[in-house]
Amino acid sequence: MTKDEMIELAKQSGWEYAHGESGFEPLWAFANLVAEKEREAVANWMMNKGFSTGHGESTKDLLDELEWQIAEREREACANICETLELPEWPDKVRQPLAQAIRARGQE
């Protein structure tokens, strides 16, 4: 969240300040503490569910990392299905390229 966004939210909440923007210093400190606690909560949830947190320095970074990992797991699951399906109309020469194509989507 940007400083301007925090100022706007503070004004909307009725935050009073008497000395210009310097009156917002406690708000910046509070907002940073809340953001850190939020980031920690998301990081802990990810780790408890078996996801890596990568280099997530913000909650948005963590959610972007989580989105990527979920897509990667879905691609791998689909590729595994292609490889293990035992359908006569899907010989190995069809299944293997399909699985490879699915996995390659994650490399784009």
C-alpha atoms as a PDB file:
ATOM      1  CA  MET A   1       0.000   0.000   0.000  1.00  0.00           C
ATOM      2  CA  THR A   2       1.368   3.402  -0.894  1.00  0.00           C
ATOM      3  CA  LYS A   3       1.732   6.313   1.483  1.00  0.00           C
ATOM      4  CA  ASP A   4      -0.985   8.222  -0.398  1.00  0.00           C
ATOM      5  CA  GLU A   5      -3.353   5.263  -0.071  1.00  0.00           C
ATOM      6  CA  MET A   6      -2.671   5.114   3.668  1.00  0.00           C
ATOM      7  CA  ILE A   7      -3.329   8.853   4.022  1.00  0.00           C
ATOM      8  CA  GLU A   8      -6.616   8.498   2.165  1.00  0.00           C
ATOM      9  CA  LEU A   9      -7.688   5.557   4.337  1.00  0.00           C
ATOM     10  CA  ALA A  10      -6.662   7.436   7.482  1.00  0.00           C
ATOM     11  CA  LYS A  11      -8.767  10.420   6.431  1.00  0.00           C
ATOM     12  CA  GLN A  12     -11.723   8.148   5.652  1.00  0.00           C
ATOM     13  CA  SER A  13     -11.438   6.573   9.089  1.00  0.00           C
ATOM     14  CA  GLY A  14     -11.509   9.976  10.777  1.00  0.00           C
ATOM     15  CA  TRP A  15      -7.815  10.014  11.756  1.00  0.00           C
ATOM     16  CA  GLU A  16      -7.032  13.479  13.047  1.00  0.00           C
ATOM     17  CA  TYR A  17      -3.652  15.031  12.568  1.00  0.00           C
ATOM     18  CA  ALA A  18      -2.598  18.475  13.622  1.00  0.00           C
ATOM     19  CA  HIS A  19       0.936  18.852  12.290  1.00  0.00           C
ATOM     20  CA  GLY A  20       0.800  18.050   8.590  1.00  0.00           C
ATOM     21  CA  GLU A  21       2.013  14.716   7.334  1.00  0.00           C
ATOM     22  CA  SER A  22       4.461  14.312  10.211  1.00  0.00           C
ATOM     23  CA  GLY A  23       1.386  13.606  12.304  1.00  0.00           C
ATOM     24  CA  PHE A  24       1.038  10.396  10.344  1.00  0.00           C
ATOM     25  CA  GLU A  25       4.306   8.859  11.581  1.00  0.00           C
ATOM     26  CA  PRO A  26       2.533   6.664  14.164  1.00  0.00           C
ATOM     27  CA  LEU A  27       0.175   5.565  11.402  1.00  0.00           C
ATOM     28  CA  TRP A  28       3.106   4.517   9.153  1.00  0.00           C
ATOM     29  CA  ALA A  29       4.600   2.502  11.997  1.00  0.00           C
ATOM     30  CA  PHE A  30       1.242   0.883  12.757  1.00  0.00           C
ATOM     31  CA  ALA A  31       0.543   0.125   9.081  1.00  0.00           C
ATOM     32  CA  ASN A  32       3.956  -1.494   8.686  1.00  0.00           C
ATOM     33  CA  LEU A  33       3.385  -3.674  11.756  1.00  0.00           C
ATOM     34  CA  VAL A  34      -0.041  -4.761  10.485  1.00  0.00           C
ATOM     35  CA  ALA A  35       1.391  -5.511   7.020  1.00  0.00           C
ATOM     36  CA  GLU A  36       4.185  -7.596   8.552  1.00  0.00           C
ATOM     37  CA  LYS A  37       1.724  -9.597  10.674  1.00  0.00           C
ATOM     38  CA  GLU A  38      -0.442 -10.169   7.593  1.00  0.00           C
ATOM     39  CA  ARG A  39       2.581 -11.321   5.580  1.00  0.00           C
ATOM     40  CA  GLU A  40       3.617 -13.676   8.388  1.00  0.00           C
ATOM     41  CA  ALA A  41       0.112 -15.167   8.566  1.00  0.00           C
ATOM     42  CA  VAL A  42       0.071 -15.838   4.816  1.00  0.00           C
ATOM     43  CA  ALA A  43       3.627 -17.238   4.880  1.00  0.00           C
ATOM     44  CA  ASN A  44       2.762 -19.572   7.775  1.00  0.00           C
ATOM     45  CA  TRP A  45      -0.385 -20.778   6.000  1.00  0.00           C
ATOM     46  CA  MET A  46       1.622 -21.479   2.842  1.00  0.00           C
ATOM     47  CA  MET A  47       4.297 -23.423   4.711  1.00  0.00           C
ATOM     48  CA  ASN A  48       1.689 -25.416   6.682  1.00  0.00           C
ATOM     49  CA  LYS A  49       0.068 -26.423   3.377  1.00  0.00           C
ATOM     50  CA  GLY A  50       3.390 -27.487   1.864  1.00  0.00           C
ATOM     51  CA  PHE A  51       4.046 -24.441  -0.302  1.00  0.00           C
ATOM     52  CA  SER A  52       7.292 -22.505  -0.477  1.00  0.00           C
ATOM     53  CA  THR A  53       7.273 -18.798   0.339  1.00  0.00           C
ATOM     54  CA  GLY A  54      10.005 -17.972  -2.180  1.00  0.00           C
ATOM     55  CA  HIS A  55      11.300 -14.452  -1.700  1.00  0.00           C
ATOM     56  CA  GLY A  56       7.945 -12.998  -0.677  1.00  0.00           C
ATOM     57  CA  GLU A  57       8.636  -9.685   0.952  1.00  0.00           C
ATOM     58  CA  SER A  58       5.001  -8.611   0.882  1.00  0.00           C
ATOM     59  CA  THR A  59       1.637 -10.341   1.057  1.00  0.00           C
ATOM     60  CA  LYS A  60       1.198  -9.698  -2.667  1.00  0.00           C
ATOM     61  CA  ASP A  61       4.561 -11.350  -3.393  1.00  0.00           C
ATOM     62  CA  LEU A  62       3.506 -14.379  -1.369  1.00  0.00           C
ATOM     63  CA  LEU A  63       0.163 -14.646  -3.144  1.00  0.00           C
ATOM     64  CA  ASP A  64       1.869 -14.355  -6.543  1.00  0.00           C
ATOM     65  CA  GLU A  65       4.243 -17.166  -5.499  1.00  0.00           C
ATOM     66  CA  LEU A  66       1.321 -19.272  -4.272  1.00  0.00           C
ATOM     67  CA  GLU A  67      -0.557 -18.759  -7.545  1.00  0.00           C
ATOM     68  CA  TRP A  68       2.500 -19.886  -9.512  1.00  0.00           C
ATOM     69  CA  GLN A  69       2.997 -22.981  -7.345  1.00  0.00           C
ATOM     70  CA  ILE A  70      -0.655 -23.997  -7.600  1.00  0.00           C
ATOM     71  CA  ALA A  71      -0.527 -23.720 -11.392  1.00  0.00           C
ATOM     72  CA  GLU A  72       2.703 -25.753 -11.431  1.00  0.00           C
ATOM     73  CA  ARG A  73       1.118 -28.508  -9.334  1.00  0.00           C
ATOM     74  CA  GLU A  74      -1.963 -28.550 -11.571  1.00  0.00           C
ATOM     75  CA  ARG A  75       0.188 -28.855 -14.704  1.00  0.00           C
ATOM     76  CA  GLU A  76       2.171 -31.712 -13.178  1.00  0.00           C
ATOM     77  CA  ALA A  77      -1.000 -33.532 -12.134  1.00  0.00           C
ATOM     78  CA  CYS A  78      -2.418 -33.208 -15.653  1.00  0.00           C
ATOM     79  CA  ALA A  79       0.857 -34.392 -17.201  1.00  0.00           C
ATOM     80  CA  ASN A  80       0.885 -37.401 -14.870  1.00  0.00           C
ATOM     81  CA  ILE A  81      -2.669 -38.288 -15.900  1.00  0.00           C
ATOM     82  CA  CYS A  82      -1.640 -38.160 -19.565  1.00  0.00           C
ATOM     83  CA  GLU A  83       1.299 -40.459 -18.884  1.00  0.00           C
ATOM     84  CA  THR A  84      -0.625 -43.008 -16.847  1.00  0.00           C
ATOM     85  CA  LEU A  85      -3.919 -43.265 -18.720  1.00  0.00           C
ATOM     86  CA  GLU A  86      -4.284 -46.710 -20.165  1.00  0.00           C
ATOM     87  CA  LEU A  87      -6.477 -46.034 -23.147  1.00  0.00           C
ATOM     88  CA  PRO A  88      -5.915 -48.013 -26.355  1.00  0.00           C
ATOM     89  CA  GLU A  89      -6.606 -44.924 -28.454  1.00  0.00           C
ATOM     90  CA  TRP A  90      -3.842 -43.042 -26.559  1.00  0.00           C
ATOM     91  CA  PRO A  91      -0.590 -44.894 -27.227  1.00  0.00           C
ATOM     92  CA  ASP A  92       2.702 -43.778 -25.690  1.00  0.00           C
ATOM     93  CA  LYS A  93       3.532 -41.808 -28.813  1.00  0.00           C
ATOM     94  CA  VAL A  94       0.487 -39.619 -28.039  1.00  0.00           C
ATOM     95  CA  ARG A  95       0.598 -39.581 -24.236  1.00  0.00           C
ATOM     96  CA  GLN A  96       4.258 -38.599 -23.849  1.00  0.00           C
ATOM     97  CA  PRO A  97       4.122 -35.539 -26.162  1.00  0.00           C
ATOM     98  CA  LEU A  98       0.929 -34.394 -24.443  1.00  0.00           C
ATOM     99  CA  ALA A  99       2.550 -34.655 -21.023  1.00  0.00           C
ATOM    100  CA  GLN A 100       5.636 -32.822 -22.280  1.00  0.00           C
ATOM    101  CA  ALA A 101       3.475 -30.061 -23.798  1.00  0.00           C
ATOM    102  CA  ILE A 102       1.618 -29.595 -20.521  1.00  0.00           C
ATOM    103  CA  ARG A 103       4.862 -29.358 -18.546  1.00  0.00           C
ATOM    104  CA  ALA A 104       6.322 -26.940 -21.099  1.00  0.00           C
ATOM    105  CA  ARG A 105       3.515 -24.475 -20.412  1.00  0.00           C
ATOM    106  CA  GLY A 106       5.171 -23.746 -17.086  1.00  0.00           C
ATOM    107  CA  GLN A 107       8.404 -22.806 -18.829  1.00  0.00           C
ATOM    108  CA  GLU A 108       6.853 -20.005 -20.894  1.00  0.00           C
END
